Amino acid sequence: KTKVKSACGDLSFAEQCTSLEKEAVNV
């Protein structure tokens, strides 16, 4: 979540969630 909010802060909440769905897999 920290990584996504830092890298994708300009995206919508839904778009951030989509990015987080993948980044959480990496964690």
mmCIF file of all heavy atoms, coordinates in Angstrom:
data_MODEL
# 
_entry.id   MODEL 
# 
loop_
_atom_site.group_PDB 
_atom_site.id 
_atom_site.type_symbol 
_atom_site.label_atom_id 
_atom_site.label_alt_id 
_atom_site.label_comp_id 
_atom_site.label_asym_id 
_atom_site.label_entity_id 
_atom_site.label_seq_id 
_atom_site.pdbx_PDB_ins_code 
_atom_site.Cartn_x 
_atom_site.Cartn_y 
_atom_site.Cartn_z 
_atom_site.occupancy 
_atom_site.B_iso_or_equiv 
_atom_site.pdbx_formal_charge 
_atom_site.auth_seq_id 
_atom_site.auth_comp_id 
_atom_site.auth_asym_id 
_atom_site.auth_atom_id 
_atom_site.pdbx_PDB_model_num 
ATOM 1   N N   . LYS A 1 1  ? 0.834   -1.199  0.000   1.00 0.00 ? 1  LYS A N   1 
ATOM 2   C CA  . LYS A 1 1  ? 0.000   0.000   0.000   1.00 0.00 ? 1  LYS A CA  1 
ATOM 3   C C   . LYS A 1 1  ? 0.866   1.245   0.000   1.00 0.00 ? 1  LYS A C   1 
ATOM 4   O O   . LYS A 1 1  ? 0.602   2.202   -0.759  1.00 0.00 ? 1  LYS A O   1 
ATOM 5   C CB  . LYS A 1 1  ? -0.924  -0.005  1.217   1.00 0.00 ? 1  LYS A CB  1 
ATOM 6   C CG  . LYS A 1 1  ? -1.753  1.272   1.377   1.00 0.00 ? 1  LYS A CG  1 
ATOM 7   C CD  . LYS A 1 1  ? -2.556  1.247   2.664   1.00 0.00 ? 1  LYS A CD  1 
ATOM 8   C CE  . LYS A 1 1  ? -3.312  2.546   2.871   1.00 0.00 ? 1  LYS A CE  1 
ATOM 9   N NZ  . LYS A 1 1  ? -4.095  2.554   4.140   1.00 0.00 ? 1  LYS A NZ  1 
ATOM 10  N N   . THR A 1 2  ? 1.891   1.263   0.811   1.00 0.00 ? 2  THR A N   1 
ATOM 11  C CA  . THR A 1 2  ? 2.803   2.409   0.873   1.00 0.00 ? 2  THR A CA  1 
ATOM 12  C C   . THR A 1 2  ? 3.440   2.668   -0.485  1.00 0.00 ? 2  THR A C   1 
ATOM 13  O O   . THR A 1 2  ? 3.531   3.817   -0.948  1.00 0.00 ? 2  THR A O   1 
ATOM 14  C CB  . THR A 1 2  ? 3.898   2.169   1.923   1.00 0.00 ? 2  THR A CB  1 
ATOM 15  O OG1 . THR A 1 2  ? 3.277   1.972   3.204   1.00 0.00 ? 2  THR A OG1 1 
ATOM 16  C CG2 . THR A 1 2  ? 4.851   3.346   1.999   1.00 0.00 ? 2  THR A CG2 1 
ATOM 17  N N   . LYS A 1 3  ? 3.871   1.607   -1.141  1.00 0.00 ? 3  LYS A N   1 
ATOM 18  C CA  . LYS A 1 3  ? 4.506   1.737   -2.450  1.00 0.00 ? 3  LYS A CA  1 
ATOM 19  C C   . LYS A 1 3  ? 3.528   2.268   -3.488  1.00 0.00 ? 3  LYS A C   1 
ATOM 20  O O   . LYS A 1 3  ? 3.862   3.161   -4.281  1.00 0.00 ? 3  LYS A O   1 
ATOM 21  C CB  . LYS A 1 3  ? 5.068   0.388   -2.892  1.00 0.00 ? 3  LYS A CB  1 
ATOM 22  C CG  . LYS A 1 3  ? 5.765   0.425   -4.242  1.00 0.00 ? 3  LYS A CG  1 
ATOM 23  C CD  . LYS A 1 3  ? 6.370   -0.935  -4.586  1.00 0.00 ? 3  LYS A CD  1 
ATOM 24  C CE  . LYS A 1 3  ? 7.062   -0.902  -5.943  1.00 0.00 ? 3  LYS A CE  1 
ATOM 25  N NZ  . LYS A 1 3  ? 7.678   -2.209  -6.295  1.00 0.00 ? 3  LYS A NZ  1 
ATOM 26  N N   . VAL A 1 4  ? 2.312   1.757   -3.489  1.00 0.00 ? 4  VAL A N   1 
ATOM 27  C CA  . VAL A 1 4  ? 1.315   2.173   -4.471  1.00 0.00 ? 4  VAL A CA  1 
ATOM 28  C C   . VAL A 1 4  ? 0.916   3.631   -4.255  1.00 0.00 ? 4  VAL A C   1 
ATOM 29  O O   . VAL A 1 4  ? 0.798   4.410   -5.218  1.00 0.00 ? 4  VAL A O   1 
ATOM 30  C CB  . VAL A 1 4  ? 0.075   1.257   -4.406  1.00 0.00 ? 4  VAL A CB  1 
ATOM 31  C CG1 . VAL A 1 4  ? -1.092  1.851   -5.188  1.00 0.00 ? 4  VAL A CG1 1 
ATOM 32  C CG2 . VAL A 1 4  ? 0.416   -0.120  -4.950  1.00 0.00 ? 4  VAL A CG2 1 
ATOM 33  N N   . LYS A 1 5  ? 0.712   4.023   -3.014  1.00 0.00 ? 5  LYS A N   1 
ATOM 34  C CA  . LYS A 1 5  ? 0.316   5.399   -2.740  1.00 0.00 ? 5  LYS A CA  1 
ATOM 35  C C   . LYS A 1 5  ? 1.418   6.374   -3.133  1.00 0.00 ? 5  LYS A C   1 
ATOM 36  O O   . LYS A 1 5  ? 1.153   7.496   -3.565  1.00 0.00 ? 5  LYS A O   1 
ATOM 37  C CB  . LYS A 1 5  ? -0.045  5.563   -1.263  1.00 0.00 ? 5  LYS A CB  1 
ATOM 38  C CG  . LYS A 1 5  ? -1.314  4.832   -0.862  1.00 0.00 ? 5  LYS A CG  1 
ATOM 39  C CD  . LYS A 1 5  ? -1.783  5.222   0.532   1.00 0.00 ? 5  LYS A CD  1 
ATOM 40  C CE  . LYS A 1 5  ? -2.342  6.627   0.547   1.00 0.00 ? 5  LYS A CE  1 
ATOM 41  N NZ  . LYS A 1 5  ? -2.940  6.974   1.859   1.00 0.00 ? 5  LYS A NZ  1 
ATOM 42  N N   . SER A 1 6  ? 2.666   5.930   -3.003  1.00 0.00 ? 6  SER A N   1 
ATOM 43  C CA  . SER A 1 6  ? 3.789   6.788   -3.376  1.00 0.00 ? 6  SER A CA  1 
ATOM 44  C C   . SER A 1 6  ? 3.934   6.896   -4.887  1.00 0.00 ? 6  SER A C   1 
ATOM 45  O O   . SER A 1 6  ? 4.173   7.982   -5.430  1.00 0.00 ? 6  SER A O   1 
ATOM 46  C CB  . SER A 1 6  ? 5.081   6.239   -2.770  1.00 0.00 ? 6  SER A CB  1 
ATOM 47  O OG  . SER A 1 6  ? 6.199   6.984   -3.203  1.00 0.00 ? 6  SER A OG  1 
ATOM 48  N N   . ALA A 1 7  ? 3.776   5.769   -5.575  1.00 0.00 ? 7  ALA A N   1 
ATOM 49  C CA  . ALA A 1 7  ? 4.000   5.748   -7.024  1.00 0.00 ? 7  ALA A CA  1 
ATOM 50  C C   . ALA A 1 7  ? 2.765   6.115   -7.833  1.00 0.00 ? 7  ALA A C   1 
ATOM 51  O O   . ALA A 1 7  ? 2.879   6.555   -8.985  1.00 0.00 ? 7  ALA A O   1 
ATOM 52  C CB  . ALA A 1 7  ? 4.491   4.368   -7.448  1.00 0.00 ? 7  ALA A CB  1 
ATOM 53  N N   . CYS A 1 8  ? 1.580   5.913   -7.250  1.00 0.00 ? 8  CYS A N   1 
ATOM 54  C CA  . CYS A 1 8  ? 0.337   6.099   -8.013  1.00 0.00 ? 8  CYS A CA  1 
ATOM 55  C C   . CYS A 1 8  ? -0.607  7.075   -7.340  1.00 0.00 ? 8  CYS A C   1 
ATOM 56  O O   . CYS A 1 8  ? -1.836  6.962   -7.471  1.00 0.00 ? 8  CYS A O   1 
ATOM 57  C CB  . CYS A 1 8  ? -0.359  4.755   -8.211  1.00 0.00 ? 8  CYS A CB  1 
ATOM 58  S SG  . CYS A 1 8  ? 0.684   3.460   -8.893  1.00 0.00 ? 8  CYS A SG  1 
ATOM 59  N N   . GLY A 1 9  ? -0.056  8.017   -6.621  1.00 0.00 ? 9  GLY A N   1 
ATOM 60  C CA  . GLY A 1 9  ? -0.879  8.953   -5.867  1.00 0.00 ? 9  GLY A CA  1 
ATOM 61  C C   . GLY A 1 9  ? -1.793  9.800   -6.723  1.00 0.00 ? 9  GLY A C   1 
ATOM 62  O O   . GLY A 1 9  ? -2.808  10.327  -6.242  1.00 0.00 ? 9  GLY A O   1 
ATOM 63  N N   . ASP A 1 10 ? -1.461  9.945   -8.004  1.00 0.00 ? 10 ASP A N   1 
ATOM 64  C CA  . ASP A 1 10 ? -2.278  10.770  -8.890  1.00 0.00 ? 10 ASP A CA  1 
ATOM 65  C C   . ASP A 1 10 ? -3.416  9.995   -9.541  1.00 0.00 ? 10 ASP A C   1 
ATOM 66  O O   . ASP A 1 10 ? -4.245  10.563  -10.248 1.00 0.00 ? 10 ASP A O   1 
ATOM 67  C CB  . ASP A 1 10 ? -1.396  11.384  -9.985  1.00 0.00 ? 10 ASP A CB  1 
ATOM 68  C CG  . ASP A 1 10 ? -0.654  10.326  -10.790 1.00 0.00 ? 10 ASP A CG  1 
ATOM 69  O OD1 . ASP A 1 10 ? -0.390  9.248   -10.231 1.00 0.00 ? 10 ASP A OD1 1 
ATOM 70  O OD2 . ASP A 1 10 ? -0.330  10.597  -11.969 1.00 0.00 ? 10 ASP A OD2 1 
ATOM 71  N N   . LEU A 1 11 ? -3.461  8.704   -9.284  1.00 0.00 ? 11 LEU A N   1 
ATOM 72  C CA  . LEU A 1 11 ? -4.513  7.877   -9.865  1.00 0.00 ? 11 LEU A CA  1 
ATOM 73  C C   . LEU A 1 11 ? -5.757  7.884   -8.982  1.00 0.00 ? 11 LEU A C   1 
ATOM 74  O O   . LEU A 1 11 ? -5.706  8.254   -7.809  1.00 0.00 ? 11 LEU A O   1 
ATOM 75  C CB  . LEU A 1 11 ? -4.023  6.438   -10.053 1.00 0.00 ? 11 LEU A CB  1 
ATOM 76  C CG  . LEU A 1 11 ? -2.830  6.234   -10.983 1.00 0.00 ? 11 LEU A CG  1 
ATOM 77  C CD1 . LEU A 1 11 ? -2.475  4.742   -11.057 1.00 0.00 ? 11 LEU A CD1 1 
ATOM 78  C CD2 . LEU A 1 11 ? -3.120  6.783   -12.375 1.00 0.00 ? 11 LEU A CD2 1 
ATOM 79  N N   . SER A 1 12 ? -6.865  7.437   -9.543  1.00 0.00 ? 12 SER A N   1 
ATOM 80  C CA  . SER A 1 12 ? -8.104  7.344   -8.775  1.00 0.00 ? 12 SER A CA  1 
ATOM 81  C C   . SER A 1 12 ? -7.982  6.228   -7.741  1.00 0.00 ? 12 SER A C   1 
ATOM 82  O O   . SER A 1 12 ? -7.093  5.375   -7.823  1.00 0.00 ? 12 SER A O   1 
ATOM 83  C CB  . SER A 1 12 ? -9.289  7.055   -9.708  1.00 0.00 ? 12 SER A CB  1 
ATOM 84  O OG  . SER A 1 12 ? -9.171  5.743   -10.264 1.00 0.00 ? 12 SER A OG  1 
ATOM 85  N N   . PHE A 1 13 ? -8.905  6.227   -6.787  1.00 0.00 ? 13 PHE A N   1 
ATOM 86  C CA  . PHE A 1 13 ? -8.894  5.195   -5.749  1.00 0.00 ? 13 PHE A CA  1 
ATOM 87  C C   . PHE A 1 13 ? -9.026  3.822   -6.370  1.00 0.00 ? 13 PHE A C   1 
ATOM 88  O O   . PHE A 1 13 ? -8.313  2.883   -6.003  1.00 0.00 ? 13 PHE A O   1 
ATOM 89  C CB  . PHE A 1 13 ? -10.029 5.448   -4.757  1.00 0.00 ? 13 PHE A CB  1 
ATOM 90  C CG  . PHE A 1 13 ? -10.119 4.425   -3.669  1.00 0.00 ? 13 PHE A CG  1 
ATOM 91  C CD1 . PHE A 1 13 ? -9.292  4.501   -2.547  1.00 0.00 ? 13 PHE A CD1 1 
ATOM 92  C CD2 . PHE A 1 13 ? -11.038 3.375   -3.739  1.00 0.00 ? 13 PHE A CD2 1 
ATOM 93  C CE1 . PHE A 1 13 ? -9.374  3.549   -1.532  1.00 0.00 ? 13 PHE A CE1 1 
ATOM 94  C CE2 . PHE A 1 13 ? -11.131 2.428   -2.741  1.00 0.00 ? 13 PHE A CE2 1 
ATOM 95  C CZ  . PHE A 1 13 ? -10.288 2.528   -1.634  1.00 0.00 ? 13 PHE A CZ  1 
ATOM 96  N N   . ALA A 1 14 ? -9.931  3.667   -7.349  1.00 0.00 ? 14 ALA A N   1 
ATOM 97  C CA  . ALA A 1 14 ? -10.130 2.368   -8.002  1.00 0.00 ? 14 ALA A CA  1 
ATOM 98  C C   . ALA A 1 14 ? -8.867  1.916   -8.719  1.00 0.00 ? 14 ALA A C   1 
ATOM 99  O O   . ALA A 1 14 ? -8.508  0.727   -8.675  1.00 0.00 ? 14 ALA A O   1 
ATOM 100 C CB  . ALA A 1 14 ? -11.299 2.452   -8.979  1.00 0.00 ? 14 ALA A CB  1 
ATOM 101 N N   . GLU A 1 15 ? -8.187  2.841   -9.375  1.00 0.00 ? 15 GLU A N   1 
ATOM 102 C CA  . GLU A 1 15 ? -6.947  2.497   -10.082 1.00 0.00 ? 15 GLU A CA  1 
ATOM 103 C C   . GLU A 1 15 ? -5.844  2.118   -9.112  1.00 0.00 ? 15 GLU A C   1 
ATOM 104 O O   . GLU A 1 15 ? -5.051  1.206   -9.374  1.00 0.00 ? 15 GLU A O   1 
ATOM 105 C CB  . GLU A 1 15 ? -6.518  3.665   -10.963 1.00 0.00 ? 15 GLU A CB  1 
ATOM 106 C CG  . GLU A 1 15 ? -7.433  3.916   -12.146 1.00 0.00 ? 15 GLU A CG  1 
ATOM 107 C CD  . GLU A 1 15 ? -7.108  5.200   -12.890 1.00 0.00 ? 15 GLU A CD  1 
ATOM 108 O OE1 . GLU A 1 15 ? -6.737  6.202   -12.217 1.00 0.00 ? 15 GLU A OE1 1 
ATOM 109 O OE2 . GLU A 1 15 ? -7.219  5.210   -14.128 1.00 0.00 ? 15 GLU A OE2 1 
ATOM 110 N N   . GLN A 1 16 ? -5.794  2.798   -7.992  1.00 0.00 ? 16 GLN A N   1 
ATOM 111 C CA  . GLN A 1 16 ? -4.812  2.441   -6.969  1.00 0.00 ? 16 GLN A CA  1 
ATOM 112 C C   . GLN A 1 16 ? -5.089  1.050   -6.417  1.00 0.00 ? 16 GLN A C   1 
ATOM 113 O O   . GLN A 1 16 ? -4.163  0.274   -6.174  1.00 0.00 ? 16 GLN A O   1 
ATOM 114 C CB  . GLN A 1 16 ? -4.823  3.478   -5.839  1.00 0.00 ? 16 GLN A CB  1 
ATOM 115 C CG  . GLN A 1 16 ? -4.262  4.829   -6.225  1.00 0.00 ? 16 GLN A CG  1 
ATOM 116 C CD  . GLN A 1 16 ? -4.230  5.807   -5.064  1.00 0.00 ? 16 GLN A CD  1 
ATOM 117 O OE1 . GLN A 1 16 ? -3.790  5.466   -3.970  1.00 0.00 ? 16 GLN A OE1 1 
ATOM 118 N NE2 . GLN A 1 16 ? -4.688  7.022   -5.295  1.00 0.00 ? 16 GLN A NE2 1 
ATOM 119 N N   . CYS A 1 17 ? -6.363  0.721   -6.246  1.00 0.00 ? 17 CYS A N   1 
ATOM 120 C CA  . CYS A 1 17 ? -6.712  -0.614  -5.759  1.00 0.00 ? 17 CYS A CA  1 
ATOM 121 C C   . CYS A 1 17 ? -6.262  -1.679  -6.749  1.00 0.00 ? 17 CYS A C   1 
ATOM 122 O O   . CYS A 1 17 ? -5.751  -2.736  -6.356  1.00 0.00 ? 17 CYS A O   1 
ATOM 123 C CB  . CYS A 1 17 ? -8.222  -0.716  -5.523  1.00 0.00 ? 17 CYS A CB  1 
ATOM 124 S SG  . CYS A 1 17 ? -8.813  0.124   -4.037  1.00 0.00 ? 17 CYS A SG  1 
ATOM 125 N N   . THR A 1 18 ? -6.441  -1.418  -8.036  1.00 0.00 ? 18 THR A N   1 
ATOM 126 C CA  . THR A 1 18 ? -6.005  -2.372  -9.055  1.00 0.00 ? 18 THR A CA  1 
ATOM 127 C C   . THR A 1 18 ? -4.499  -2.584  -8.987  1.00 0.00 ? 18 THR A C   1 
ATOM 128 O O   . THR A 1 18 ? -4.018  -3.721  -9.070  1.00 0.00 ? 18 THR A O   1 
ATOM 129 C CB  . THR A 1 18 ? -6.401  -1.884  -10.459 1.00 0.00 ? 18 THR A CB  1 
ATOM 130 O OG1 . THR A 1 18 ? -7.826  -1.805  -10.536 1.00 0.00 ? 18 THR A OG1 1 
ATOM 131 C CG2 . THR A 1 18 ? -5.905  -2.844  -11.524 1.00 0.00 ? 18 THR A CG2 1 
ATOM 132 N N   . SER A 1 19 ? -3.756  -1.504  -8.823  1.00 0.00 ? 19 SER A N   1 
ATOM 133 C CA  . SER A 1 19 ? -2.297  -1.626  -8.695  1.00 0.00 ? 19 SER A CA  1 
ATOM 134 C C   . SER A 1 19 ? -1.927  -2.388  -7.429  1.00 0.00 ? 19 SER A C   1 
ATOM 135 O O   . SER A 1 19 ? -1.013  -3.228  -7.440  1.00 0.00 ? 19 SER A O   1 
ATOM 136 C CB  . SER A 1 19 ? -1.659  -0.233  -8.672  1.00 0.00 ? 19 SER A CB  1 
ATOM 137 O OG  . SER A 1 19 ? -1.859  0.439   -9.897  1.00 0.00 ? 19 SER A OG  1 
ATOM 138 N N   . LEU A 1 20 ? -2.655  -2.118  -6.356  1.00 0.00 ? 20 LEU A N   1 
ATOM 139 C CA  . LEU A 1 20 ? -2.365  -2.783  -5.089  1.00 0.00 ? 20 LEU A CA  1 
ATOM 140 C C   . LEU A 1 20 ? -2.690  -4.269  -5.149  1.00 0.00 ? 20 LEU A C   1 
ATOM 141 O O   . LEU A 1 20 ? -2.023  -5.087  -4.509  1.00 0.00 ? 20 LEU A O   1 
ATOM 142 C CB  . LEU A 1 20 ? -3.143  -2.110  -3.957  1.00 0.00 ? 20 LEU A CB  1 
ATOM 143 C CG  . LEU A 1 20 ? -2.886  -2.628  -2.538  1.00 0.00 ? 20 LEU A CG  1 
ATOM 144 C CD1 . LEU A 1 20 ? -1.401  -2.587  -2.197  1.00 0.00 ? 20 LEU A CD1 1 
ATOM 145 C CD2 . LEU A 1 20 ? -3.684  -1.815  -1.525  1.00 0.00 ? 20 LEU A CD2 1 
ATOM 146 N N   . GLU A 1 21 ? -3.698  -4.639  -5.912  1.00 0.00 ? 21 GLU A N   1 
ATOM 147 C CA  . GLU A 1 21 ? -4.047  -6.062  -6.058  1.00 0.00 ? 21 GLU A CA  1 
ATOM 148 C C   . GLU A 1 21 ? -2.870  -6.863  -6.585  1.00 0.00 ? 21 GLU A C   1 
ATOM 149 O O   . GLU A 1 21 ? -2.681  -8.032  -6.213  1.00 0.00 ? 21 GLU A O   1 
ATOM 150 C CB  . GLU A 1 21 ? -5.252  -6.200  -6.993  1.00 0.00 ? 21 GLU A CB  1 
ATOM 151 C CG  . GLU A 1 21 ? -6.565  -5.754  -6.364  1.00 0.00 ? 21 GLU A CG  1 
ATOM 152 C CD  . GLU A 1 21 ? -7.667  -5.503  -7.376  1.00 0.00 ? 21 GLU A CD  1 
ATOM 153 O OE1 . GLU A 1 21 ? -7.398  -5.595  -8.588  1.00 0.00 ? 21 GLU A OE1 1 
ATOM 154 O OE2 . GLU A 1 21 ? -8.802  -5.217  -6.953  1.00 0.00 ? 21 GLU A OE2 1 
ATOM 155 N N   . LYS A 1 22 ? -2.058  -6.248  -7.432  1.00 0.00 ? 22 LYS A N   1 
ATOM 156 C CA  . LYS A 1 22 ? -0.891  -6.926  -7.983  1.00 0.00 ? 22 LYS A CA  1 
ATOM 157 C C   . LYS A 1 22 ? 0.325   -6.771  -7.078  1.00 0.00 ? 22 LYS A C   1 
ATOM 158 O O   . LYS A 1 22 ? 1.082   -7.721  -6.865  1.00 0.00 ? 22 LYS A O   1 
ATOM 159 C CB  . LYS A 1 22 ? -0.587  -6.387  -9.379  1.00 0.00 ? 22 LYS A CB  1 
ATOM 160 C CG  . LYS A 1 22 ? -1.717  -6.600  -10.373 1.00 0.00 ? 22 LYS A CG  1 
ATOM 161 C CD  . LYS A 1 22 ? -1.416  -5.994  -11.729 1.00 0.00 ? 22 LYS A CD  1 
ATOM 162 C CE  . LYS A 1 22 ? -2.569  -6.186  -12.696 1.00 0.00 ? 22 LYS A CE  1 
ATOM 163 N NZ  . LYS A 1 22 ? -2.304  -5.585  -14.028 1.00 0.00 ? 22 LYS A NZ  1 
ATOM 164 N N   . GLU A 1 23 ? 0.522   -5.573  -6.546  1.00 0.00 ? 23 GLU A N   1 
ATOM 165 C CA  . GLU A 1 23 ? 1.697   -5.333  -5.708  1.00 0.00 ? 23 GLU A CA  1 
ATOM 166 C C   . GLU A 1 23 ? 1.640   -6.137  -4.414  1.00 0.00 ? 23 GLU A C   1 
ATOM 167 O O   . GLU A 1 23 ? 2.673   -6.570  -3.893  1.00 0.00 ? 23 GLU A O   1 
ATOM 168 C CB  . GLU A 1 23 ? 1.813   -3.842  -5.390  1.00 0.00 ? 23 GLU A CB  1 
ATOM 169 C CG  . GLU A 1 23 ? 3.163   -3.435  -4.819  1.00 0.00 ? 23 GLU A CG  1 
ATOM 170 C CD  . GLU A 1 23 ? 4.324   -3.777  -5.733  1.00 0.00 ? 23 GLU A CD  1 
ATOM 171 O OE1 . GLU A 1 23 ? 4.207   -3.556  -6.955  1.00 0.00 ? 23 GLU A OE1 1 
ATOM 172 O OE2 . GLU A 1 23 ? 5.345   -4.298  -5.214  1.00 0.00 ? 23 GLU A OE2 1 
ATOM 173 N N   . ALA A 1 24 ? 0.442   -6.370  -3.902  1.00 0.00 ? 24 ALA A N   1 
ATOM 174 C CA  . ALA A 1 24 ? 0.303   -7.182  -2.692  1.00 0.00 ? 24 ALA A CA  1 
ATOM 175 C C   . ALA A 1 24 ? 0.753   -8.612  -2.940  1.00 0.00 ? 24 ALA A C   1 
ATOM 176 O O   . ALA A 1 24 ? 1.266   -9.282  -2.040  1.00 0.00 ? 24 ALA A O   1 
ATOM 177 C CB  . ALA A 1 24 ? -1.149  -7.158  -2.210  1.00 0.00 ? 24 ALA A CB  1 
ATOM 178 N N   . VAL A 1 25 ? 0.567   -9.094  -4.155  1.00 0.00 ? 25 VAL A N   1 
ATOM 179 C CA  . VAL A 1 25 ? 1.051   -10.430 -4.514  1.00 0.00 ? 25 VAL A CA  1 
ATOM 180 C C   . VAL A 1 25 ? 2.562   -10.483 -4.360  1.00 0.00 ? 25 VAL A C   1 
ATOM 181 O O   . VAL A 1 25 ? 3.123   -11.455 -3.831  1.00 0.00 ? 25 VAL A O   1 
ATOM 182 C CB  . VAL A 1 25 ? 0.636   -10.786 -5.955  1.00 0.00 ? 25 VAL A CB  1 
ATOM 183 C CG1 . VAL A 1 25 ? 1.353   -12.052 -6.424  1.00 0.00 ? 25 VAL A CG1 1 
ATOM 184 C CG2 . VAL A 1 25 ? -0.874  -10.979 -6.032  1.00 0.00 ? 25 VAL A CG2 1 
ATOM 185 N N   . ASN A 1 26 ? 3.263   -9.431  -4.801  1.00 0.00 ? 26 ASN A N   1 
ATOM 186 C CA  . ASN A 1 26 ? 4.715   -9.403  -4.692  1.00 0.00 ? 26 ASN A CA  1 
ATOM 187 C C   . ASN A 1 26 ? 5.180   -9.393  -3.241  1.00 0.00 ? 26 ASN A C   1 
ATOM 188 O O   . ASN A 1 26 ? 6.188   -10.017 -2.894  1.00 0.00 ? 26 ASN A O   1 
ATOM 189 C CB  . ASN A 1 26 ? 5.275   -8.196  -5.439  1.00 0.00 ? 26 ASN A CB  1 
ATOM 190 C CG  . ASN A 1 26 ? 5.112   -8.309  -6.934  1.00 0.00 ? 26 ASN A CG  1 
ATOM 191 O OD1 . ASN A 1 26 ? 5.040   -9.405  -7.477  1.00 0.00 ? 26 ASN A OD1 1 
ATOM 192 N ND2 . ASN A 1 26 ? 5.023   -7.163  -7.619  1.00 0.00 ? 26 ASN A ND2 1 
ATOM 193 N N   . VAL A 1 27 ? 4.441   -8.688  -2.389  1.00 0.00 ? 27 VAL A N   1 
ATOM 194 C CA  . VAL A 1 27 ? 4.785   -8.702  -0.964  1.00 0.00 ? 27 VAL A CA  1 
ATOM 195 C C   . VAL A 1 27 ? 4.623   -10.103 -0.392  1.00 0.00 ? 27 VAL A C   1 
ATOM 196 O O   . VAL A 1 27 ? 5.447   -10.580 0.384   1.00 0.00 ? 27 VAL A O   1 
ATOM 197 C CB  . VAL A 1 27 ? 3.917   -7.685  -0.186  1.00 0.00 ? 27 VAL A CB  1 
ATOM 198 C CG1 . VAL A 1 27 ? 4.079   -7.878  1.323   1.00 0.00 ? 27 VAL A CG1 1 
ATOM 199 C CG2 . VAL A 1 27 ? 4.300   -6.262  -0.566  1.00 0.00 ? 27 VAL A CG2 1 
# 
